[in-house]
Amino acid sequence: MTMELSGITDAQLVARCREGDERAWAELVDRFSRYVHAIVRAYRLSENDAEDVFQDAFARAFERLADLRDPSALRFWLAQLTRRLAVDRLRRSATETPSDQLPEPAGMDESITRLDEALVVHQALAGLSEDCREIIDRFFTRDESYSSIGEALGIPAGTIASRISRCLAKLRAELEGRWEGSRPSSV
């Protein structure tokens, strides 16, 4: 993933893909592969079926990217496409349950919402400096103390709180506007 492409919006990425930019397509797949994989896993398909759905989701996205009405809603469109493919796969492989009675896994909408939020935060974090990503990761993900963070980064422990505060303000600024653009689009 190049820095040039990692910082562009989903809508810009879609535009570049539509222009035939192969690097943009590689960035799109890289940006959304974990997301699509997480959706597929929620359906508890066999390993082979899950891999087929994953591949089909990106193949269909590639084929139908021109049909996407609102390029800023790429994430929701891709989620909807993946969900439909997973349900279709379940229907084809179901032998005991009539296909019209297959429910979506419980809590799927909530899971998709959590995935959406995590993806937005992940993308916003990528927009921060390495120093900010490191300090936020150490404090919130690894649950390190101010003194251990300070020791590891060569920063006085007394300044860690202010650095965390500044980095969180930068993260908040990165997140602003990303939530407003997060609305579903139909194909």
N, C-alpha and C. Protein backbone atom coordinates (compact mmCIF):
# COMPACT_ATOMS: atom_id res chain seq x y z
N MET A 1 0.85 -1.16 0.00
CA MET A 1 0.00 0.00 0.00
C MET A 1 0.90 1.23 0.00
N THR A 2 0.66 2.13 -0.94
CA THR A 2 1.47 3.33 -1.01
C THR A 2 0.83 4.43 -0.20
N MET A 3 1.68 5.32 0.31
CA MET A 3 1.15 6.44 1.09
C MET A 3 0.21 7.28 0.25
N GLU A 4 0.52 7.42 -1.05
CA GLU A 4 -0.31 8.22 -1.93
C GLU A 4 -1.76 7.72 -1.91
N LEU A 5 -1.94 6.42 -1.95
CA LEU A 5 -3.29 5.85 -2.02
C LEU A 5 -3.90 5.60 -0.65
N SER A 6 -3.08 5.36 0.35
CA SER A 6 -3.64 5.03 1.66
C SER A 6 -4.37 6.21 2.29
N GLY A 7 -4.03 7.42 1.88
CA GLY A 7 -4.65 8.59 2.47
C GLY A 7 -5.87 9.10 1.72
N ILE A 8 -6.23 8.49 0.61
CA ILE A 8 -7.37 8.99 -0.15
C ILE A 8 -8.67 8.41 0.38
N THR A 9 -9.76 9.09 0.10
CA THR A 9 -11.07 8.64 0.56
C THR A 9 -11.53 7.44 -0.26
N ASP A 10 -12.56 6.78 0.23
CA ASP A 10 -13.13 5.66 -0.51
C ASP A 10 -13.65 6.12 -1.86
N ALA A 11 -14.29 7.29 -1.90
CA ALA A 11 -14.84 7.81 -3.16
C ALA A 11 -13.72 8.07 -4.16
N GLN A 12 -12.60 8.63 -3.70
CA GLN A 12 -11.46 8.86 -4.59
C GLN A 12 -10.88 7.54 -5.07
N LEU A 13 -10.85 6.57 -4.17
CA LEU A 13 -10.33 5.25 -4.52
C LEU A 13 -11.21 4.61 -5.60
N VAL A 14 -12.52 4.72 -5.45
CA VAL A 14 -13.44 4.17 -6.44
C VAL A 14 -13.22 4.85 -7.80
N ALA A 15 -13.06 6.17 -7.78
CA ALA A 15 -12.85 6.90 -9.03
C ALA A 15 -11.58 6.41 -9.73
N ARG A 16 -10.53 6.20 -8.98
CA ARG A 16 -9.27 5.73 -9.57
C ARG A 16 -9.41 4.31 -10.08
N CYS A 17 -10.15 3.47 -9.37
CA CYS A 17 -10.39 2.10 -9.84
C CYS A 17 -11.18 2.13 -11.14
N ARG A 18 -12.19 2.98 -11.20
CA ARG A 18 -13.00 3.08 -12.42
C ARG A 18 -12.17 3.56 -13.61
N GLU A 19 -11.10 4.29 -13.34
CA GLU A 19 -10.20 4.75 -14.41
C GLU A 19 -9.20 3.68 -14.82
N GLY A 20 -9.25 2.52 -14.14
CA GLY A 20 -8.37 1.41 -14.49
C GLY A 20 -7.04 1.40 -13.76
N ASP A 21 -6.93 2.16 -12.69
CA ASP A 21 -5.69 2.22 -11.91
C ASP A 21 -5.54 0.92 -11.11
N GLU A 22 -4.59 0.08 -11.51
CA GLU A 22 -4.39 -1.21 -10.85
C GLU A 22 -3.91 -1.05 -9.41
N ARG A 23 -3.11 -0.03 -9.14
CA ARG A 23 -2.65 0.21 -7.77
C ARG A 23 -3.84 0.59 -6.88
N ALA A 24 -4.80 1.32 -7.44
CA ALA A 24 -5.98 1.69 -6.67
C ALA A 24 -6.80 0.44 -6.33
N TRP A 25 -6.92 -0.47 -7.28
CA TRP A 25 -7.65 -1.72 -7.01
C TRP A 25 -6.94 -2.51 -5.92
N ALA A 26 -5.61 -2.59 -5.99
CA ALA A 26 -4.86 -3.30 -4.96
C ALA A 26 -5.07 -2.65 -3.59
N GLU A 27 -5.13 -1.33 -3.55
CA GLU A 27 -5.39 -0.61 -2.30
C GLU A 27 -6.80 -0.91 -1.79
N LEU A 28 -7.79 -0.95 -2.69
CA LEU A 28 -9.16 -1.25 -2.30
C LEU A 28 -9.23 -2.63 -1.66
N VAL A 29 -8.62 -3.61 -2.29
CA VAL A 29 -8.63 -4.97 -1.75
C VAL A 29 -7.92 -5.00 -0.40
N ASP A 30 -6.78 -4.33 -0.32
CA ASP A 30 -6.03 -4.29 0.93
C ASP A 30 -6.85 -3.60 2.04
N ARG A 31 -7.48 -2.51 1.70
CA ARG A 31 -8.25 -1.72 2.67
C ARG A 31 -9.44 -2.49 3.21
N PHE A 32 -10.08 -3.31 2.39
CA PHE A 32 -11.33 -3.95 2.79
C PHE A 32 -11.25 -5.46 2.97
N SER A 33 -10.11 -6.08 2.77
CA SER A 33 -10.03 -7.54 2.85
C SER A 33 -10.36 -8.06 4.25
N ARG A 34 -9.85 -7.44 5.29
CA ARG A 34 -10.17 -7.91 6.66
C ARG A 34 -11.65 -7.72 6.96
N TYR A 35 -12.21 -6.64 6.46
CA TYR A 35 -13.62 -6.34 6.66
C TYR A 35 -14.50 -7.41 6.00
N VAL A 36 -14.24 -7.70 4.75
CA VAL A 36 -15.00 -8.72 4.02
C VAL A 36 -14.80 -10.08 4.68
N HIS A 37 -13.58 -10.39 5.07
CA HIS A 37 -13.31 -11.66 5.73
C HIS A 37 -14.10 -11.78 7.04
N ALA A 38 -14.18 -10.71 7.80
CA ALA A 38 -14.92 -10.74 9.07
C ALA A 38 -16.42 -10.97 8.83
N ILE A 39 -16.95 -10.37 7.79
CA ILE A 39 -18.37 -10.59 7.46
C ILE A 39 -18.59 -12.04 7.08
N VAL A 40 -17.73 -12.57 6.24
CA VAL A 40 -17.86 -13.97 5.80
C VAL A 40 -17.78 -14.91 7.00
N ARG A 41 -16.83 -14.66 7.90
CA ARG A 41 -16.67 -15.52 9.09
C ARG A 41 -17.93 -15.55 9.94
N ALA A 42 -18.66 -14.45 9.98
CA ALA A 42 -19.87 -14.39 10.81
C ALA A 42 -20.93 -15.38 10.35
N TYR A 43 -20.86 -15.81 9.11
CA TYR A 43 -21.84 -16.77 8.58
C TYR A 43 -21.45 -18.22 8.85
N ARG A 44 -20.31 -18.44 9.44
CA ARG A 44 -19.85 -19.78 9.83
C ARG A 44 -19.91 -20.78 8.68
N LEU A 45 -19.43 -20.34 7.54
CA LEU A 45 -19.35 -21.21 6.37
C LEU A 45 -18.16 -22.15 6.51
N SER A 46 -18.17 -23.21 5.76
CA SER A 46 -16.98 -24.08 5.74
C SER A 46 -15.81 -23.26 5.22
N GLU A 47 -14.62 -23.73 5.47
CA GLU A 47 -13.43 -22.99 5.04
C GLU A 47 -13.43 -22.76 3.53
N ASN A 48 -13.78 -23.79 2.77
CA ASN A 48 -13.81 -23.66 1.31
C ASN A 48 -14.88 -22.68 0.85
N ASP A 49 -16.08 -22.79 1.44
CA ASP A 49 -17.16 -21.88 1.08
C ASP A 49 -16.81 -20.44 1.46
N ALA A 50 -16.21 -20.26 2.61
CA ALA A 50 -15.83 -18.91 3.06
C ALA A 50 -14.82 -18.30 2.09
N GLU A 51 -13.85 -19.09 1.67
CA GLU A 51 -12.85 -18.59 0.71
C GLU A 51 -13.50 -18.25 -0.62
N ASP A 52 -14.44 -19.08 -1.06
CA ASP A 52 -15.15 -18.81 -2.32
C ASP A 52 -15.94 -17.51 -2.22
N VAL A 53 -16.64 -17.30 -1.11
CA VAL A 53 -17.43 -16.07 -0.94
C VAL A 53 -16.50 -14.85 -0.91
N PHE A 54 -15.39 -14.97 -0.21
CA PHE A 54 -14.42 -13.88 -0.15
C PHE A 54 -13.95 -13.51 -1.55
N GLN A 55 -13.56 -14.51 -2.33
CA GLN A 55 -13.09 -14.26 -3.70
C GLN A 55 -14.20 -13.71 -4.57
N ASP A 56 -15.40 -14.28 -4.45
CA ASP A 56 -16.54 -13.82 -5.25
C ASP A 56 -16.90 -12.37 -4.92
N ALA A 57 -16.79 -11.99 -3.66
CA ALA A 57 -17.14 -10.63 -3.26
C ALA A 57 -16.24 -9.62 -3.99
N PHE A 58 -14.95 -9.88 -4.02
CA PHE A 58 -14.06 -8.94 -4.70
C PHE A 58 -14.18 -9.04 -6.22
N ALA A 59 -14.44 -10.24 -6.73
CA ALA A 59 -14.63 -10.38 -8.18
C ALA A 59 -15.87 -9.61 -8.63
N ARG A 60 -16.95 -9.75 -7.88
CA ARG A 60 -18.18 -9.03 -8.24
C ARG A 60 -18.02 -7.53 -8.04
N ALA A 61 -17.32 -7.14 -6.99
CA ALA A 61 -17.07 -5.72 -6.77
C ALA A 61 -16.30 -5.14 -7.96
N PHE A 62 -15.31 -5.87 -8.43
CA PHE A 62 -14.52 -5.42 -9.58
C PHE A 62 -15.42 -5.27 -10.81
N GLU A 63 -16.25 -6.28 -11.04
CA GLU A 63 -17.13 -6.27 -12.21
C GLU A 63 -18.20 -5.18 -12.14
N ARG A 64 -18.68 -4.88 -10.93
CA ARG A 64 -19.83 -3.99 -10.78
C ARG A 64 -19.51 -2.64 -10.15
N LEU A 65 -18.25 -2.30 -10.05
CA LEU A 65 -17.87 -1.05 -9.42
C LEU A 65 -18.50 0.15 -10.14
N ALA A 66 -18.68 0.04 -11.43
CA ALA A 66 -19.29 1.12 -12.20
C ALA A 66 -20.76 1.33 -11.81
N ASP A 67 -21.40 0.30 -11.24
CA ASP A 67 -22.81 0.39 -10.84
C ASP A 67 -23.02 1.09 -9.50
N LEU A 68 -21.96 1.28 -8.75
CA LEU A 68 -22.07 1.90 -7.43
C LEU A 68 -22.49 3.35 -7.59
N ARG A 69 -23.67 3.70 -7.10
CA ARG A 69 -24.21 5.06 -7.27
C ARG A 69 -23.49 6.10 -6.44
N ASP A 70 -23.15 5.74 -5.20
CA ASP A 70 -22.50 6.69 -4.29
C ASP A 70 -21.14 6.13 -3.88
N PRO A 71 -20.08 6.55 -4.55
CA PRO A 71 -18.75 5.99 -4.27
C PRO A 71 -18.30 6.14 -2.82
N SER A 72 -18.83 7.12 -2.09
CA SER A 72 -18.45 7.27 -0.69
C SER A 72 -19.07 6.18 0.19
N ALA A 73 -20.03 5.44 -0.34
CA ALA A 73 -20.69 4.36 0.40
C ALA A 73 -20.12 2.99 0.01
N LEU A 74 -18.89 2.98 -0.47
CA LEU A 74 -18.26 1.74 -0.90
C LEU A 74 -18.31 0.66 0.17
N ARG A 75 -17.99 1.02 1.39
CA ARG A 75 -17.94 0.03 2.49
C ARG A 75 -19.29 -0.65 2.67
N PHE A 76 -20.37 0.12 2.66
CA PHE A 76 -21.71 -0.45 2.86
C PHE A 76 -22.12 -1.30 1.65
N TRP A 77 -21.78 -0.84 0.47
CA TRP A 77 -22.09 -1.59 -0.74
C TRP A 77 -21.36 -2.92 -0.73
N LEU A 78 -20.09 -2.90 -0.36
CA LEU A 78 -19.30 -4.13 -0.30
C LEU A 78 -19.82 -5.07 0.78
N ALA A 79 -20.26 -4.53 1.91
CA ALA A 79 -20.84 -5.36 2.98
C ALA A 79 -22.13 -6.02 2.49
N GLN A 80 -22.97 -5.25 1.82
CA GLN A 80 -24.23 -5.79 1.32
C GLN A 80 -23.97 -6.88 0.28
N LEU A 81 -23.04 -6.65 -0.60
CA LEU A 81 -22.68 -7.63 -1.61
C LEU A 81 -22.16 -8.91 -0.96
N THR A 82 -21.29 -8.77 0.02
CA THR A 82 -20.71 -9.93 0.72
C THR A 82 -21.79 -10.70 1.46
N ARG A 83 -22.67 -10.00 2.13
CA ARG A 83 -23.76 -10.67 2.86
C ARG A 83 -24.64 -11.48 1.92
N ARG A 84 -25.00 -10.90 0.78
CA ARG A 84 -25.83 -11.62 -0.19
C ARG A 84 -25.13 -12.88 -0.69
N LEU A 85 -23.86 -12.76 -0.98
CA LEU A 85 -23.10 -13.93 -1.46
C LEU A 85 -23.01 -15.01 -0.38
N ALA A 86 -22.83 -14.61 0.87
CA ALA A 86 -22.74 -15.59 1.97
C ALA A 86 -24.08 -16.30 2.15
N VAL A 87 -25.17 -15.55 2.11
CA VAL A 87 -26.50 -16.16 2.26
C VAL A 87 -26.77 -17.10 1.09
N ASP A 88 -26.41 -16.67 -0.13
CA ASP A 88 -26.59 -17.55 -1.29
C ASP A 88 -25.80 -18.84 -1.13
N ARG A 89 -24.59 -18.73 -0.61
CA ARG A 89 -23.76 -19.92 -0.41
C ARG A 89 -24.38 -20.83 0.64
N LEU A 90 -24.92 -20.24 1.71
CA LEU A 90 -25.61 -21.04 2.72
C LEU A 90 -26.80 -21.77 2.12
N ARG A 91 -27.54 -21.07 1.29
CA ARG A 91 -28.71 -21.69 0.67
C ARG A 91 -28.32 -22.86 -0.22
N ARG A 92 -27.26 -22.68 -0.98
CA ARG A 92 -26.82 -23.76 -1.87
C ARG A 92 -26.31 -24.97 -1.11
N SER A 93 -25.67 -24.72 0.02
CA SER A 93 -25.07 -25.83 0.76
C SER A 93 -26.01 -26.44 1.81
N ALA A 94 -27.14 -25.79 2.04
CA ALA A 94 -28.07 -26.31 3.05
C ALA A 94 -28.76 -27.56 2.51
N THR A 95 -28.73 -28.60 3.31
CA THR A 95 -29.38 -29.84 2.89
C THR A 95 -30.57 -30.17 3.78
N GLU A 96 -30.55 -29.69 5.01
CA GLU A 96 -31.62 -30.01 5.94
C GLU A 96 -32.60 -28.87 6.13
N THR A 97 -32.17 -27.64 5.92
CA THR A 97 -33.03 -26.48 6.13
C THR A 97 -33.50 -25.96 4.79
N PRO A 98 -34.79 -25.77 4.62
CA PRO A 98 -35.26 -25.17 3.36
C PRO A 98 -34.60 -23.81 3.16
N SER A 99 -34.21 -23.53 1.92
CA SER A 99 -33.43 -22.32 1.64
C SER A 99 -34.16 -21.04 1.98
N ASP A 100 -35.50 -21.03 1.91
CA ASP A 100 -36.21 -19.79 2.22
C ASP A 100 -36.36 -19.56 3.72
N GLN A 101 -35.87 -20.48 4.53
CA GLN A 101 -35.99 -20.33 5.99
C GLN A 101 -34.65 -20.08 6.65
N LEU A 102 -33.60 -19.82 5.87
CA LEU A 102 -32.29 -19.57 6.46
C LEU A 102 -32.23 -18.15 6.99
N PRO A 103 -32.12 -18.00 8.29
CA PRO A 103 -32.03 -16.65 8.84
C PRO A 103 -30.59 -16.14 8.76
N GLU A 104 -30.46 -14.84 8.82
CA GLU A 104 -29.14 -14.25 8.94
C GLU A 104 -28.66 -14.52 10.36
N PRO A 105 -27.37 -14.71 10.57
CA PRO A 105 -26.89 -14.95 11.93
C PRO A 105 -27.36 -13.85 12.89
N ALA A 106 -27.66 -14.23 14.12
CA ALA A 106 -28.15 -13.28 15.11
C ALA A 106 -27.12 -12.19 15.33
N GLY A 107 -27.59 -10.97 15.42
CA GLY A 107 -26.72 -9.84 15.69
C GLY A 107 -25.87 -9.40 14.52
N MET A 108 -26.21 -9.83 13.30
CA MET A 108 -25.39 -9.49 12.14
C MET A 108 -25.33 -7.98 11.92
N ASP A 109 -26.45 -7.28 12.02
CA ASP A 109 -26.43 -5.83 11.81
C ASP A 109 -25.52 -5.15 12.82
N GLU A 110 -25.57 -5.60 14.06
CA GLU A 110 -24.71 -5.03 15.10
C GLU A 110 -23.24 -5.35 14.81
N SER A 111 -22.97 -6.55 14.34
CA SER A 111 -21.60 -6.92 14.01
C SER A 111 -21.07 -6.07 12.86
N ILE A 112 -21.90 -5.86 11.85
CA ILE A 112 -21.49 -5.03 10.71
C ILE A 112 -21.24 -3.60 11.18
N THR A 113 -22.08 -3.09 12.06
CA THR A 113 -21.88 -1.73 12.57
C THR A 113 -20.56 -1.63 13.32
N ARG A 114 -20.26 -2.62 14.15
CA ARG A 114 -18.98 -2.62 14.89
C ARG A 114 -17.81 -2.70 13.92
N LEU A 115 -17.93 -3.53 12.90
CA LEU A 115 -16.87 -3.62 11.89
C LEU A 115 -16.68 -2.30 11.17
N ASP A 116 -17.80 -1.65 10.82
CA ASP A 116 -17.73 -0.35 10.16
C ASP A 116 -16.99 0.66 11.02
N GLU A 117 -17.35 0.71 12.30
CA GLU A 117 -16.72 1.65 13.21
C GLU A 117 -15.23 1.34 13.37
N ALA A 118 -14.89 0.07 13.49
CA ALA A 118 -13.49 -0.31 13.64
C ALA A 118 -12.69 0.07 12.39
N LEU A 119 -13.28 -0.11 11.22
CA LEU A 119 -12.60 0.24 9.99
C LEU A 119 -12.36 1.74 9.92
N VAL A 120 -13.34 2.53 10.29
CA VAL A 120 -13.18 3.99 10.27
C VAL A 120 -12.07 4.41 11.23
N VAL A 121 -12.05 3.85 12.43
CA VAL A 121 -11.01 4.18 13.40
C VAL A 121 -9.64 3.74 12.89
N HIS A 122 -9.57 2.54 12.30
CA HIS A 122 -8.31 2.04 11.75
C HIS A 122 -7.78 2.98 10.67
N GLN A 123 -8.66 3.43 9.78
CA GLN A 123 -8.26 4.35 8.73
C GLN A 123 -7.82 5.69 9.31
N ALA A 124 -8.52 6.17 10.33
CA ALA A 124 -8.13 7.43 10.96
C ALA A 124 -6.78 7.31 11.65
N LEU A 125 -6.55 6.20 12.31
CA LEU A 125 -5.25 5.97 12.96
C LEU A 125 -4.12 5.97 11.93
N ALA A 126 -4.39 5.43 10.76
CA ALA A 126 -3.36 5.39 9.72
C ALA A 126 -2.97 6.79 9.27
N GLY A 127 -3.86 7.76 9.48
CA GLY A 127 -3.57 9.13 9.12
C GLY A 127 -2.73 9.88 10.14
N LEU A 128 -2.48 9.28 11.29
CA LEU A 128 -1.67 9.92 12.33
C LEU A 128 -0.18 9.63 12.11
N SER A 129 0.63 10.42 12.78
CA SER A 129 2.08 10.18 12.71
C SER A 129 2.40 8.87 13.42
N GLU A 130 3.55 8.32 13.09
CA GLU A 130 4.00 7.08 13.72
C GLU A 130 4.09 7.25 15.23
N ASP A 131 4.57 8.41 15.70
CA ASP A 131 4.68 8.67 17.14
C ASP A 131 3.32 8.58 17.83
N CYS A 132 2.31 9.20 17.21
CA CYS A 132 0.97 9.16 17.81
C CYS A 132 0.40 7.75 17.79
N ARG A 133 0.56 7.05 16.67
CA ARG A 133 0.05 5.68 16.60
C ARG A 133 0.71 4.82 17.67
N GLU A 134 2.00 5.01 17.87
CA GLU A 134 2.73 4.21 18.86
C GLU A 134 2.23 4.49 20.27
N ILE A 135 2.08 5.74 20.62
CA ILE A 135 1.68 6.07 22.00
C ILE A 135 0.23 5.66 22.26
N ILE A 136 -0.65 5.83 21.28
CA ILE A 136 -2.05 5.40 21.44
C ILE A 136 -2.12 3.89 21.55
N ASP A 137 -1.36 3.19 20.73
CA ASP A 137 -1.34 1.73 20.78
C ASP A 137 -0.84 1.24 22.14
N ARG A 138 0.23 1.80 22.61
CA ARG A 138 0.80 1.36 23.89
C ARG A 138 -0.16 1.63 25.05
N PHE A 139 -0.83 2.77 25.02
CA PHE A 139 -1.69 3.11 26.15
C PHE A 139 -3.02 2.37 26.11
N PHE A 140 -3.69 2.40 24.95
CA PHE A 140 -5.04 1.84 24.88
C PHE A 140 -5.08 0.36 24.51
N THR A 141 -4.20 -0.09 23.64
CA THR A 141 -4.24 -1.48 23.22
C THR A 141 -3.44 -2.39 24.14
N ARG A 142 -2.22 -1.97 24.46
CA ARG A 142 -1.35 -2.79 25.29
C ARG A 142 -1.52 -2.51 26.78
N ASP A 143 -2.29 -1.48 27.10
CA ASP A 143 -2.58 -1.12 28.49
C ASP A 143 -1.30 -0.88 29.31
N GLU A 144 -0.34 -0.19 28.70
CA GLU A 144 0.91 0.11 29.38
C GLU A 144 0.76 1.35 30.24
N SER A 145 1.53 1.42 31.29
CA SER A 145 1.49 2.58 32.19
C SER A 145 2.29 3.73 31.57
N TYR A 146 2.07 4.94 32.12
CA TYR A 146 2.82 6.10 31.66
C TYR A 146 4.32 5.86 31.78
N SER A 147 4.73 5.28 32.89
CA SER A 147 6.17 5.08 33.10
C SER A 147 6.74 4.07 32.11
N SER A 148 6.03 2.99 31.82
CA SER A 148 6.57 2.02 30.86
C SER A 148 6.58 2.58 29.44
N ILE A 149 5.57 3.39 29.11
CA ILE A 149 5.55 4.03 27.78
C ILE A 149 6.72 5.00 27.68
N GLY A 150 6.88 5.82 28.71
CA GLY A 150 7.97 6.79 28.73
C GLY A 150 9.32 6.12 28.60
N GLU A 151 9.49 5.04 29.32
CA GLU A 151 10.75 4.30 29.28
C GLU A 151 11.01 3.74 27.89
N ALA A 152 9.99 3.14 27.29
CA ALA A 152 10.14 2.52 25.97
C ALA A 152 10.40 3.55 24.87
N LEU A 153 9.80 4.74 25.02
CA LEU A 153 9.91 5.74 23.96
C LEU A 153 10.94 6.82 24.26
N GLY A 154 11.56 6.74 25.44
CA GLY A 154 12.55 7.75 25.80
C GLY A 154 11.94 9.11 26.07
N ILE A 155 10.74 9.11 26.64
CA ILE A 155 10.01 10.34 26.95
C ILE A 155 9.78 10.36 28.45
N PRO A 156 9.92 11.52 29.10
CA PRO A 156 9.62 11.56 30.54
C PRO A 156 8.18 11.13 30.80
N ALA A 157 7.98 10.30 31.80
CA ALA A 157 6.65 9.77 32.12
C ALA A 157 5.64 10.89 32.36
N GLY A 158 6.11 12.02 32.87
CA GLY A 158 5.22 13.15 33.16
C GLY A 158 4.62 13.79 31.92
N THR A 159 5.21 13.56 30.76
CA THR A 159 4.68 14.17 29.54
C THR A 159 3.79 13.23 28.74
N ILE A 160 3.68 12.00 29.18
CA ILE A 160 2.88 11.00 28.43
C ILE A 160 1.41 11.41 28.36
N ALA A 161 0.84 11.87 29.46
CA ALA A 161 -0.58 12.25 29.46
C ALA A 161 -0.86 13.35 28.45
N SER A 162 0.01 14.35 28.38
CA SER A 162 -0.22 15.45 27.43
C SER A 162 -0.04 14.96 25.99
N ARG A 163 0.89 14.04 25.76
CA ARG A 163 1.07 13.48 24.42
C ARG A 163 -0.16 12.67 24.01
N ILE A 164 -0.66 11.88 24.94
CA ILE A 164 -1.87 11.09 24.64
C ILE A 164 -3.01 12.03 24.30
N SER A 165 -3.16 13.09 25.08
CA SER A 165 -4.22 14.05 24.85
C SER A 165 -4.09 14.70 23.47
N ARG A 166 -2.89 15.11 23.10
CA ARG A 166 -2.67 15.72 21.78
C ARG A 166 -2.94 14.71 20.67
N CYS A 167 -2.49 13.49 20.85
CA CYS A 167 -2.71 12.47 19.83
C CYS A 167 -4.19 12.13 19.68
N LEU A 168 -4.91 12.10 20.78
CA LEU A 168 -6.36 11.85 20.71
C LEU A 168 -7.08 12.99 20.00
N ALA A 169 -6.60 14.23 20.23
CA ALA A 169 -7.19 15.38 19.53
C ALA A 169 -6.95 15.24 18.02
N LYS A 170 -5.77 14.80 17.64
CA LYS A 170 -5.47 14.58 16.23
C LYS A 170 -6.34 13.46 15.66
N LEU A 171 -6.53 12.41 16.45
CA LEU A 171 -7.38 11.30 16.01
C LEU A 171 -8.82 11.78 15.84
N ARG A 172 -9.30 12.57 16.77
CA ARG A 172 -10.66 13.13 16.68
C ARG A 172 -10.80 13.94 15.40
N ALA A 173 -9.78 14.75 15.09
CA ALA A 173 -9.82 15.55 13.86
C ALA A 173 -9.85 14.64 12.62
N GLU A 174 -9.09 13.55 12.65
CA GLU A 174 -9.10 12.59 11.54
C GLU A 174 -10.48 11.95 11.38
N LEU A 175 -11.14 11.70 12.51
CA LEU A 175 -12.44 11.02 12.47
C LEU A 175 -13.57 11.94 12.02
N GLU A 176 -13.42 13.24 12.26
CA GLU A 176 -14.49 14.17 11.88
C GLU A 176 -14.74 14.08 10.39
N GLY A 177 -15.97 14.03 10.04
CA GLY A 177 -16.33 13.93 8.63
C GLY A 177 -16.42 12.50 8.12
N ARG A 178 -15.68 11.58 8.74
CA ARG A 178 -15.75 10.19 8.28
C ARG A 178 -17.10 9.58 8.65
N TRP A 179 -17.65 9.94 9.79
CA TRP A 179 -18.92 9.37 10.22
C TRP A 179 -20.06 9.91 9.37
N GLU A 180 -20.00 11.22 9.02
CA GLU A 180 -21.10 11.79 8.22
C GLU A 180 -21.22 11.12 6.87
N GLY A 181 -20.07 10.73 6.28
CA GLY A 181 -20.09 10.08 4.98
C GLY A 181 -20.46 8.63 5.04
N SER A 182 -20.76 8.12 6.21
CA SER A 182 -21.05 6.69 6.39
C SER A 182 -22.54 6.44 6.34
N ARG A 183 -23.05 6.35 5.12
CA ARG A 183 -24.46 6.01 4.97
C ARG A 183 -24.60 5.00 3.84
N PRO A 184 -25.55 4.11 3.98
CA PRO A 184 -25.70 3.06 2.98
C PRO A 184 -26.10 3.61 1.61
N SER A 185 -25.73 2.89 0.58
CA SER A 185 -26.11 3.21 -0.78
C SER A 185 -26.61 1.93 -1.43
N SER A 186 -27.54 2.08 -2.33
CA SER A 186 -27.99 0.88 -3.04
C SER A 186 -27.33 0.85 -4.39
N VAL A 187 -27.26 -0.32 -4.96
CA VAL A 187 -26.59 -0.51 -6.24
C VAL A 187 -27.56 -0.28 -7.36
